[in-house]
Amino acid sequence: MLILKQATNPIWFNAEQTAINLEVQFEEFPNEIMPFLATSYDCEPHGVDIFNRAKAGEFGTVAPYVAPPEPVQPQTTGTQTA
């Protein structure tokens, strides 16, 4: 199990609030701050622990989920060239 040194910038990953994105640093990797997706159903105990702690507000308020923008559809002019 990895040992969490710090976690910052929690934000809900989805509207269902089943996953949280964070930036984390583990004691095992002291020179790296990395993105981490924490869930309550993670197969690793440290993932579940980080999710529960983040949800409880230990790393600050979890920012709301923001849906990605809808893809832009190409516009057609209605005319075709032969």
N, C-alpha and C. Protein backbone atom coordinates (compact mmCIF):
# COMPACT_ATOMS: atom_id res chain seq x y z
N MET A 1 0.84 -1.18 0.00
CA MET A 1 0.00 0.00 0.00
C MET A 1 0.89 1.25 0.00
N LEU A 2 0.57 2.17 -0.89
CA LEU A 2 1.32 3.42 -0.93
C LEU A 2 0.92 4.33 0.22
N ILE A 3 1.85 5.13 0.70
CA ILE A 3 1.60 6.04 1.81
C ILE A 3 1.48 7.45 1.26
N LEU A 4 0.33 8.06 1.47
CA LEU A 4 0.05 9.40 0.96
C LEU A 4 0.80 10.44 1.77
N LYS A 5 1.53 11.29 1.07
CA LYS A 5 2.23 12.40 1.71
C LYS A 5 1.37 13.66 1.68
N GLN A 6 0.75 13.93 0.51
CA GLN A 6 -0.16 15.07 0.41
C GLN A 6 -1.11 14.87 -0.75
N ALA A 7 -2.25 15.53 -0.71
CA ALA A 7 -3.23 15.52 -1.79
C ALA A 7 -3.85 16.91 -1.88
N THR A 8 -4.04 17.38 -3.11
CA THR A 8 -4.60 18.71 -3.32
C THR A 8 -5.54 18.70 -4.51
N ASN A 9 -6.28 19.78 -4.65
CA ASN A 9 -7.15 20.05 -5.80
C ASN A 9 -8.18 18.95 -6.08
N PRO A 10 -8.95 18.52 -5.07
CA PRO A 10 -9.96 17.49 -5.34
C PRO A 10 -11.10 18.05 -6.19
N ILE A 11 -11.53 17.28 -7.16
CA ILE A 11 -12.66 17.66 -8.02
C ILE A 11 -13.42 16.39 -8.40
N TRP A 12 -14.75 16.47 -8.35
CA TRP A 12 -15.54 15.31 -8.72
C TRP A 12 -15.27 14.96 -10.17
N PHE A 13 -15.06 13.69 -10.45
CA PHE A 13 -14.77 13.21 -11.79
C PHE A 13 -16.03 13.04 -12.62
N ASN A 14 -17.17 12.77 -11.94
CA ASN A 14 -18.42 12.52 -12.66
C ASN A 14 -19.60 13.08 -11.88
N ALA A 15 -20.72 13.20 -12.57
CA ALA A 15 -21.93 13.76 -11.95
C ALA A 15 -22.48 12.85 -10.85
N GLU A 16 -22.21 11.55 -10.93
CA GLU A 16 -22.69 10.60 -9.93
C GLU A 16 -21.89 10.66 -8.63
N GLN A 17 -20.79 11.38 -8.64
CA GLN A 17 -19.91 11.54 -7.48
C GLN A 17 -19.41 10.19 -6.94
N THR A 18 -18.92 9.37 -7.87
CA THR A 18 -18.35 8.08 -7.48
C THR A 18 -16.83 8.05 -7.61
N ALA A 19 -16.25 9.16 -8.09
CA ALA A 19 -14.80 9.23 -8.27
C ALA A 19 -14.34 10.67 -8.11
N ILE A 20 -13.13 10.84 -7.59
CA ILE A 20 -12.56 12.17 -7.35
C ILE A 20 -11.17 12.23 -7.96
N ASN A 21 -10.93 13.26 -8.76
CA ASN A 21 -9.59 13.53 -9.29
C ASN A 21 -8.84 14.38 -8.28
N LEU A 22 -7.57 14.07 -8.06
CA LEU A 22 -6.71 14.85 -7.16
C LEU A 22 -5.30 14.89 -7.73
N GLU A 23 -4.48 15.74 -7.14
CA GLU A 23 -3.05 15.71 -7.37
C GLU A 23 -2.45 15.17 -6.07
N VAL A 24 -1.64 14.13 -6.19
CA VAL A 24 -1.13 13.47 -4.99
C VAL A 24 0.38 13.35 -5.03
N GLN A 25 0.93 13.16 -3.84
CA GLN A 25 2.35 12.86 -3.69
C GLN A 25 2.44 11.74 -2.65
N PHE A 26 3.13 10.67 -3.02
CA PHE A 26 3.31 9.53 -2.12
C PHE A 26 4.71 9.55 -1.54
N GLU A 27 4.85 9.04 -0.33
CA GLU A 27 6.16 8.98 0.32
C GLU A 27 7.14 8.16 -0.51
N GLU A 28 6.63 7.17 -1.22
CA GLU A 28 7.49 6.31 -2.03
C GLU A 28 8.05 7.03 -3.26
N PHE A 29 7.42 8.14 -3.66
CA PHE A 29 7.85 8.94 -4.81
C PHE A 29 7.93 10.40 -4.38
N PRO A 30 8.89 10.76 -3.54
CA PRO A 30 8.91 12.09 -2.92
C PRO A 30 9.09 13.26 -3.88
N ASN A 31 9.59 13.02 -5.06
CA ASN A 31 9.83 14.12 -6.00
C ASN A 31 8.78 14.22 -7.09
N GLU A 32 7.67 13.49 -6.95
CA GLU A 32 6.64 13.48 -7.99
C GLU A 32 5.28 13.85 -7.42
N ILE A 33 4.65 14.82 -8.07
CA ILE A 33 3.24 15.12 -7.82
C ILE A 33 2.52 14.62 -9.06
N MET A 34 1.53 13.76 -8.86
CA MET A 34 0.89 13.11 -9.99
C MET A 34 -0.62 13.14 -9.89
N PRO A 35 -1.31 13.06 -11.04
CA PRO A 35 -2.77 12.97 -10.99
C PRO A 35 -3.18 11.61 -10.45
N PHE A 36 -4.32 11.59 -9.76
CA PHE A 36 -4.80 10.35 -9.17
C PHE A 36 -6.32 10.36 -9.19
N LEU A 37 -6.92 9.27 -9.65
CA LEU A 37 -8.37 9.12 -9.64
C LEU A 37 -8.72 8.17 -8.50
N ALA A 38 -9.37 8.70 -7.49
CA ALA A 38 -9.73 7.90 -6.31
C ALA A 38 -11.20 7.50 -6.38
N THR A 39 -11.46 6.22 -6.05
CA THR A 39 -12.83 5.72 -6.03
C THR A 39 -13.06 4.91 -4.76
N SER A 40 -14.32 4.75 -4.41
CA SER A 40 -14.66 3.94 -3.23
C SER A 40 -14.52 2.45 -3.52
N TYR A 41 -14.41 2.08 -4.78
CA TYR A 41 -14.34 0.68 -5.17
C TYR A 41 -12.97 0.31 -5.76
N ASP A 42 -11.97 1.12 -5.51
CA ASP A 42 -10.62 0.85 -6.01
C ASP A 42 -10.14 -0.50 -5.48
N CYS A 43 -9.39 -1.22 -6.29
CA CYS A 43 -8.88 -2.52 -5.86
C CYS A 43 -7.70 -2.38 -4.88
N GLU A 44 -7.14 -1.17 -4.78
CA GLU A 44 -6.03 -0.92 -3.86
C GLU A 44 -6.55 -0.18 -2.62
N PRO A 45 -6.16 -0.61 -1.43
CA PRO A 45 -6.63 0.05 -0.21
C PRO A 45 -6.32 1.54 -0.15
N HIS A 46 -5.16 1.96 -0.66
CA HIS A 46 -4.83 3.40 -0.59
C HIS A 46 -5.78 4.22 -1.46
N GLY A 47 -6.30 3.65 -2.56
CA GLY A 47 -7.25 4.36 -3.40
C GLY A 47 -8.57 4.61 -2.68
N VAL A 48 -9.06 3.60 -2.00
CA VAL A 48 -10.30 3.74 -1.22
C VAL A 48 -10.10 4.73 -0.08
N ASP A 49 -8.96 4.65 0.59
CA ASP A 49 -8.65 5.56 1.69
C ASP A 49 -8.60 7.02 1.21
N ILE A 50 -7.94 7.24 0.10
CA ILE A 50 -7.84 8.61 -0.43
C ILE A 50 -9.23 9.12 -0.82
N PHE A 51 -10.05 8.28 -1.45
CA PHE A 51 -11.41 8.69 -1.81
C PHE A 51 -12.20 9.09 -0.58
N ASN A 52 -12.19 8.24 0.45
CA ASN A 52 -12.96 8.54 1.67
C ASN A 52 -12.47 9.81 2.35
N ARG A 53 -11.18 10.00 2.40
CA ARG A 53 -10.63 11.20 3.04
C ARG A 53 -10.96 12.46 2.23
N ALA A 54 -10.87 12.34 0.91
CA ALA A 54 -11.20 13.49 0.06
C ALA A 54 -12.68 13.83 0.17
N LYS A 55 -13.54 12.83 0.14
CA LYS A 55 -14.98 13.05 0.25
C LYS A 55 -15.33 13.71 1.58
N ALA A 56 -14.60 13.37 2.62
CA ALA A 56 -14.84 13.96 3.95
C ALA A 56 -14.29 15.38 4.06
N GLY A 57 -13.58 15.85 3.03
CA GLY A 57 -13.08 17.22 3.03
C GLY A 57 -11.69 17.40 3.59
N GLU A 58 -10.98 16.33 3.83
CA GLU A 58 -9.65 16.43 4.43
C GLU A 58 -8.66 17.20 3.55
N PHE A 59 -8.86 17.17 2.24
CA PHE A 59 -7.94 17.84 1.32
C PHE A 59 -8.55 19.11 0.73
N GLY A 60 -9.58 19.62 1.38
CA GLY A 60 -10.31 20.79 0.90
C GLY A 60 -11.65 20.37 0.32
N THR A 61 -12.47 21.35 0.05
CA THR A 61 -13.78 21.08 -0.54
C THR A 61 -13.61 20.47 -1.92
N VAL A 62 -14.36 19.41 -2.19
CA VAL A 62 -14.29 18.78 -3.51
C VAL A 62 -15.05 19.68 -4.49
N ALA A 63 -14.34 20.15 -5.50
CA ALA A 63 -14.95 21.04 -6.49
C ALA A 63 -16.01 20.27 -7.28
N PRO A 64 -17.03 20.99 -7.73
CA PRO A 64 -18.10 20.31 -8.46
C PRO A 64 -17.63 19.76 -9.81
N TYR A 65 -18.33 18.75 -10.27
CA TYR A 65 -18.09 18.17 -11.58
C TYR A 65 -18.48 19.17 -12.65
N VAL A 66 -17.64 19.28 -13.66
CA VAL A 66 -17.95 20.13 -14.82
C VAL A 66 -17.95 19.22 -16.04
N ALA A 67 -19.10 19.13 -16.69
CA ALA A 67 -19.22 18.27 -17.87
C ALA A 67 -18.38 18.84 -19.01
N PRO A 68 -17.77 17.97 -19.79
CA PRO A 68 -17.00 18.46 -20.94
C PRO A 68 -17.94 19.10 -21.96
N PRO A 69 -17.44 20.03 -22.75
CA PRO A 69 -18.31 20.66 -23.75
C PRO A 69 -18.73 19.64 -24.81
N GLU A 70 -19.91 19.86 -25.37
CA GLU A 70 -20.38 19.01 -26.44
C GLU A 70 -19.47 19.18 -27.65
N PRO A 71 -19.21 18.10 -28.39
CA PRO A 71 -18.37 18.23 -29.57
C PRO A 71 -19.05 19.10 -30.62
N VAL A 72 -18.25 19.86 -31.34
CA VAL A 72 -18.78 20.72 -32.39
C VAL A 72 -18.99 19.88 -33.64
N GLN A 73 -20.21 19.93 -34.16
CA GLN A 73 -20.53 19.19 -35.37
C GLN A 73 -20.16 20.03 -36.58
N PRO A 74 -19.57 19.41 -37.61
CA PRO A 74 -19.25 20.19 -38.80
C PRO A 74 -20.54 20.67 -39.47
N GLN A 75 -20.49 21.89 -39.96
CA GLN A 75 -21.66 22.46 -40.61
C GLN A 75 -21.57 22.20 -42.10
N THR A 76 -22.71 21.87 -42.67
CA THR A 76 -22.77 21.68 -44.12
C THR A 76 -23.51 22.85 -44.72
N THR A 77 -23.15 23.21 -45.93
CA THR A 77 -23.77 24.36 -46.58
C THR A 77 -25.01 23.96 -47.39
N GLY A 78 -25.20 22.68 -47.59
CA GLY A 78 -26.37 22.25 -48.35
C GLY A 78 -26.12 22.22 -49.84
N THR A 79 -24.96 22.63 -50.29
CA THR A 79 -24.65 22.57 -51.72
C THR A 79 -23.55 21.56 -51.95
N GLN A 80 -23.63 20.91 -53.06
CA GLN A 80 -22.62 19.94 -53.42
C GLN A 80 -22.01 20.32 -54.74
N THR A 81 -20.76 20.02 -54.90
CA THR A 81 -20.10 20.27 -56.18
C THR A 81 -19.84 18.96 -56.87
N ALA A 82 -19.90 18.98 -58.17
CA ALA A 82 -19.72 17.76 -58.95
C ALA A 82 -18.27 17.58 -59.34
